[in-house]
C-alpha cells in the first residue's frame, strides 16, 4: 500500500471514530425505541472488520472501546451494594465484535452486502443476549438481588429494538465505508494480496 493510501486510511478511521463516538451520545436520541438507541460505533466496528479484515477491525475496535470506557463505562452494583464503574467492558466488547465480524462467513463465502447486514444482526443478538444473561447471573448469584426484567420484556423491549435500530444504522454506514471509506472501491488491498497467495478468503463486496 502506498504511503498516501495509508495516510488516507488513518485519517478516515480517526474521523469516523471521533464523529460517531460524538453522534452516539447526541444525535441518536432522535431515533429510539423504548429508550433503546442505535449503537453506531458497535455497528461500525462489525462492518469494518467484516469488510476490511481482522487487523483493521480489531485496531479500530480497540480504540473505539477505550473511548467507550472513558466516556460511558457501565456501572455495576457490587456485593456490598456499592456502585462502581466497570472499566474494560467497552474494550472487550468492541474487540470481540471485531473478531466476530472479521470471521463471519469470510473463509468460504464471498464478502457481500447481504452478509454484512446479517453479521450486524447476529452480532447484536449475541451482544444483547449474552449481556442480559450475564447481568441476570450477576444479580442472582453475586448480589442476591432479583433481575427486574421478564423474558418477554428483554426480548420485546431490549433485544429486538436494538437489532432493528442497528440494522437501520447499518445501511448508511455500509454505504459510507464502501464508497467514502478508508479504501478505494471499498476493498482492502491487503486481503487481495492474501487471496493471491492462496488464502481461501473471498474478498470483493
Protein backbone atom coordinates (compact mmCIF):
# COMPACT_ATOMS: atom_id res chain seq x y z
CA UNK A 1 0.00 0.00 0.00
CA UNK A 2 1.30 3.44 -0.94
CA UNK A 3 2.12 5.97 1.75
CA UNK A 4 -0.65 8.30 0.59
CA UNK A 5 -3.16 5.45 0.86
CA UNK A 6 -2.02 4.66 4.41
CA UNK A 7 -2.30 8.29 5.45
CA UNK A 8 -5.79 8.49 3.96
CA UNK A 9 -6.80 5.30 5.76
CA UNK A 10 -5.62 6.56 9.15
CA UNK A 11 -7.26 9.95 8.69
CA UNK A 12 -10.57 8.43 7.64
CA UNK A 13 -10.59 5.97 10.54
CA UNK A 14 -9.74 8.76 13.01
CA UNK A 15 -12.55 10.93 11.60
CA UNK A 16 -15.06 8.08 11.81
CA UNK A 17 -14.01 7.27 15.37
CA UNK A 18 -14.40 10.84 16.59
CA UNK A 19 -17.53 11.59 14.58
CA UNK A 20 -19.56 8.53 15.50
CA UNK A 21 -18.42 8.48 19.12
CA UNK A 22 -19.83 12.01 19.37
CA UNK A 23 -23.01 11.15 17.47
CA UNK A 24 -23.53 8.14 19.71
CA UNK A 25 -24.22 10.33 22.72
CA UNK A 26 -26.01 13.19 20.96
CA UNK A 27 -27.88 12.64 17.72
CA UNK A 28 -29.07 9.04 18.22
CA UNK A 29 -31.65 10.15 20.78
CA UNK A 30 -33.74 11.26 17.79
CA UNK A 31 -34.19 7.61 16.75
CA UNK A 32 -35.09 5.36 19.67
CA UNK A 33 -37.50 2.58 20.66
CA UNK A 34 -38.33 2.12 24.36
CA UNK A 35 -35.30 4.25 25.12
CA UNK A 36 -33.03 1.98 23.05
CA UNK A 37 -30.77 3.80 20.59
CA UNK A 38 -28.81 2.51 17.59
CA UNK A 39 -25.28 1.58 18.65
CA UNK A 40 -23.46 3.34 15.82
CA UNK A 41 -19.91 2.57 16.93
CA UNK A 42 -20.68 -1.10 17.55
CA UNK A 43 -22.21 -1.42 14.07
CA UNK A 44 -19.27 0.41 12.54
CA UNK A 45 -16.78 -1.96 14.19
CA UNK A 46 -18.66 -5.06 12.97
CA UNK A 47 -18.93 -3.72 9.41
CA UNK A 48 -15.33 -2.51 9.33
CA UNK A 49 -13.97 -5.87 10.44
CA UNK A 50 -16.27 -7.78 8.07
CA UNK A 51 -15.38 -5.63 5.06
CA UNK A 52 -11.69 -4.94 5.69
CA UNK A 53 -10.43 -7.81 7.82
CA UNK A 54 -9.39 -8.65 11.37
CA UNK A 55 -6.46 -6.26 11.81
CA UNK A 56 -8.36 -3.17 10.68
CA UNK A 57 -11.34 -4.20 12.76
CA UNK A 58 -9.52 -5.06 15.97
CA UNK A 59 -7.40 -1.87 15.99
CA UNK A 60 -10.39 0.33 15.21
CA UNK A 61 -12.48 -1.65 17.71
CA UNK A 62 -9.89 -1.38 20.49
CA UNK A 63 -9.66 2.40 20.08
CA UNK A 64 -13.46 2.66 19.99
CA UNK A 65 -13.66 0.51 23.12
CA UNK A 66 -11.21 2.70 25.01
CA UNK A 67 -13.23 5.79 24.12
CA UNK A 68 -16.43 3.99 25.12
CA UNK A 69 -14.95 3.03 28.50
CA UNK A 70 -13.72 6.56 29.11
CA UNK A 71 -16.98 8.35 28.34
CA UNK A 72 -19.73 5.81 29.09
CA UNK A 73 -18.48 2.82 31.06
CA UNK A 74 -21.41 0.92 32.65
CA UNK A 75 -21.99 0.94 36.39
CA UNK A 76 -22.03 -2.32 38.36
CA UNK A 77 -23.54 -2.99 41.79
CA UNK A 78 -21.07 -4.87 43.99
CA UNK A 79 -21.67 -7.45 46.72
CA UNK A 80 -21.75 -4.75 49.38
CA UNK A 81 -24.28 -2.73 47.39
CA UNK A 82 -21.81 -0.10 46.27
CA UNK A 83 -21.87 1.06 42.65
CA UNK A 84 -18.59 1.08 40.72
CA UNK A 85 -17.60 1.83 37.14
CA UNK A 86 -16.81 -1.30 35.10
CA UNK A 87 -13.83 -0.19 33.04
CA UNK A 88 -12.68 -2.56 30.31
CA UNK A 89 -16.11 -3.82 29.27
CA UNK A 90 -16.26 -1.46 26.29
CA UNK A 91 -12.79 -2.51 25.15
CA UNK A 92 -13.64 -6.21 25.44
CA UNK A 93 -16.97 -5.73 23.64
CA UNK A 94 -15.50 -3.88 20.68
CA UNK A 95 -12.58 -6.26 20.21
CA UNK A 96 -14.97 -9.22 20.42
CA UNK A 97 -17.26 -7.53 17.85
CA UNK A 98 -14.27 -7.05 15.53
CA UNK A 99 -13.20 -10.68 15.91
CA UNK A 100 -16.74 -11.84 15.16
CA UNK A 101 -17.21 -9.56 12.17
CA UNK A 102 -13.89 -10.50 10.57
CA UNK A 103 -14.65 -14.22 10.79
CA UNK A 104 -18.34 -14.15 9.83
CA UNK A 105 -18.59 -16.45 6.79
CA UNK A 106 -15.45 -14.89 5.28
CA UNK A 107 -13.45 -18.07 4.73
CA UNK A 108 -15.52 -19.82 2.07
CA UNK A 109 -18.11 -17.25 1.07
CA UNK A 110 -17.55 -14.01 -0.82
CA UNK A 111 -17.93 -10.86 1.25
CA UNK A 112 -21.14 -9.16 0.17
CA UNK A 113 -23.60 -6.55 1.40
CA UNK A 114 -26.28 -9.06 2.44
CA UNK A 115 -23.94 -10.95 4.75
CA UNK A 116 -22.61 -7.64 6.05
CA UNK A 117 -26.09 -6.83 7.35
CA UNK A 118 -26.60 -10.39 8.63
CA UNK A 119 -23.33 -10.08 10.57
CA UNK A 120 -24.67 -6.93 12.26
CA UNK A 121 -27.93 -8.67 13.18
CA UNK A 122 -26.26 -11.75 14.65
CA UNK A 123 -23.56 -9.75 16.44
CA UNK A 124 -26.27 -7.58 18.03
CA UNK A 125 -28.29 -10.63 19.08
CA UNK A 126 -25.22 -12.17 20.71
CA UNK A 127 -24.19 -8.91 22.37
CA UNK A 128 -27.60 -8.18 23.86
CA UNK A 129 -28.49 -11.78 24.69
CA UNK A 130 -25.19 -12.59 26.42
CA UNK A 131 -25.25 -9.19 28.12
CA UNK A 132 -28.66 -9.80 29.68
CA UNK A 133 -27.65 -13.32 30.74
CA UNK A 134 -24.50 -12.04 32.47
CA UNK A 135 -26.45 -9.29 34.23
CA UNK A 136 -29.05 -11.85 35.35
CA UNK A 137 -26.33 -14.10 36.78
CA UNK A 138 -24.65 -11.14 38.48
CA UNK A 139 -27.88 -10.12 40.20
CA UNK A 140 -28.85 -13.68 41.08
CA UNK A 141 -25.51 -15.15 42.18
CA UNK A 142 -23.34 -12.24 43.29
CA UNK A 143 -25.67 -9.61 44.73
CA UNK A 144 -28.60 -11.87 45.63
CA UNK A 145 -30.99 -9.37 44.07
CA UNK A 146 -33.79 -10.04 41.59
CA UNK A 147 -33.38 -9.06 37.96
CA UNK A 148 -36.40 -6.84 37.31
CA UNK A 149 -36.93 -7.70 33.63
CA UNK A 150 -39.01 -10.62 32.39
CA UNK A 151 -38.00 -12.67 29.36
CA UNK A 152 -40.77 -11.02 27.35
CA UNK A 153 -39.52 -7.54 28.28
CA UNK A 154 -35.93 -8.47 27.46
CA UNK A 155 -36.95 -9.72 24.04
CA UNK A 156 -39.54 -7.13 23.01
CA UNK A 157 -38.20 -4.01 24.72
CA UNK A 158 -34.45 -4.55 24.52
CA UNK A 159 -33.10 -7.16 22.11
CA UNK A 160 -35.45 -6.76 19.13
CA UNK A 161 -35.47 -2.92 19.18
CA UNK A 162 -31.67 -2.92 19.32
CA UNK A 163 -31.46 -5.35 16.38
CA UNK A 164 -33.89 -3.25 14.30
CA UNK A 165 -32.15 0.05 15.06
CA UNK A 166 -28.67 -1.36 14.43
CA UNK A 167 -29.85 -2.83 11.13
CA UNK A 168 -31.27 0.55 10.08
CA UNK A 169 -27.99 2.23 11.04
CA UNK A 170 -26.01 -0.40 9.14
CA UNK A 171 -27.39 0.73 5.77
CA UNK A 172 -25.84 4.23 5.63
CA UNK A 173 -22.73 3.05 7.49
CA UNK A 174 -22.14 0.29 4.95
CA UNK A 175 -22.52 2.72 2.05
CA UNK A 176 -20.17 5.15 3.76
CA UNK A 177 -17.47 2.51 4.26
CA UNK A 178 -17.96 1.21 0.74
CA UNK A 179 -17.83 4.49 -1.19
CA UNK A 180 -16.05 7.03 1.02
CA UNK A 181 -14.35 4.69 3.46
CA UNK A 182 -10.69 4.10 4.23
CA UNK A 183 -10.06 2.17 0.97
CA UNK A 184 -10.68 2.97 -2.65
CA UNK A 185 -13.64 1.00 -4.03
CA UNK A 186 -14.31 -0.34 -0.54
CA UNK A 187 -11.77 -3.18 -0.77
CA UNK A 188 -8.72 -3.69 1.43
CA UNK A 189 -5.76 -4.43 -0.92
CA UNK A 190 -4.09 -6.49 1.81
CA UNK A 191 -6.93 -9.00 1.60
CA UNK A 192 -6.50 -9.16 -2.17
CA UNK A 193 -2.82 -9.99 -1.69
CA UNK A 194 -3.75 -12.76 0.77
CA UNK A 195 -6.11 -14.27 -1.77
CA UNK A 196 -3.41 -14.26 -4.44
CA UNK A 197 -1.08 -16.11 -2.08
CA UNK A 198 -3.59 -18.89 -1.82
CA UNK A 199 -5.69 -17.80 1.13
CA UNK A 200 -9.26 -19.11 0.91
CA UNK A 201 -10.85 -15.81 1.88
CA UNK A 202 -13.14 -14.26 -0.70
CA UNK A 203 -12.65 -10.54 -0.94
CA UNK A 204 -14.91 -8.50 -3.18
CA UNK A 205 -18.04 -6.75 -1.96
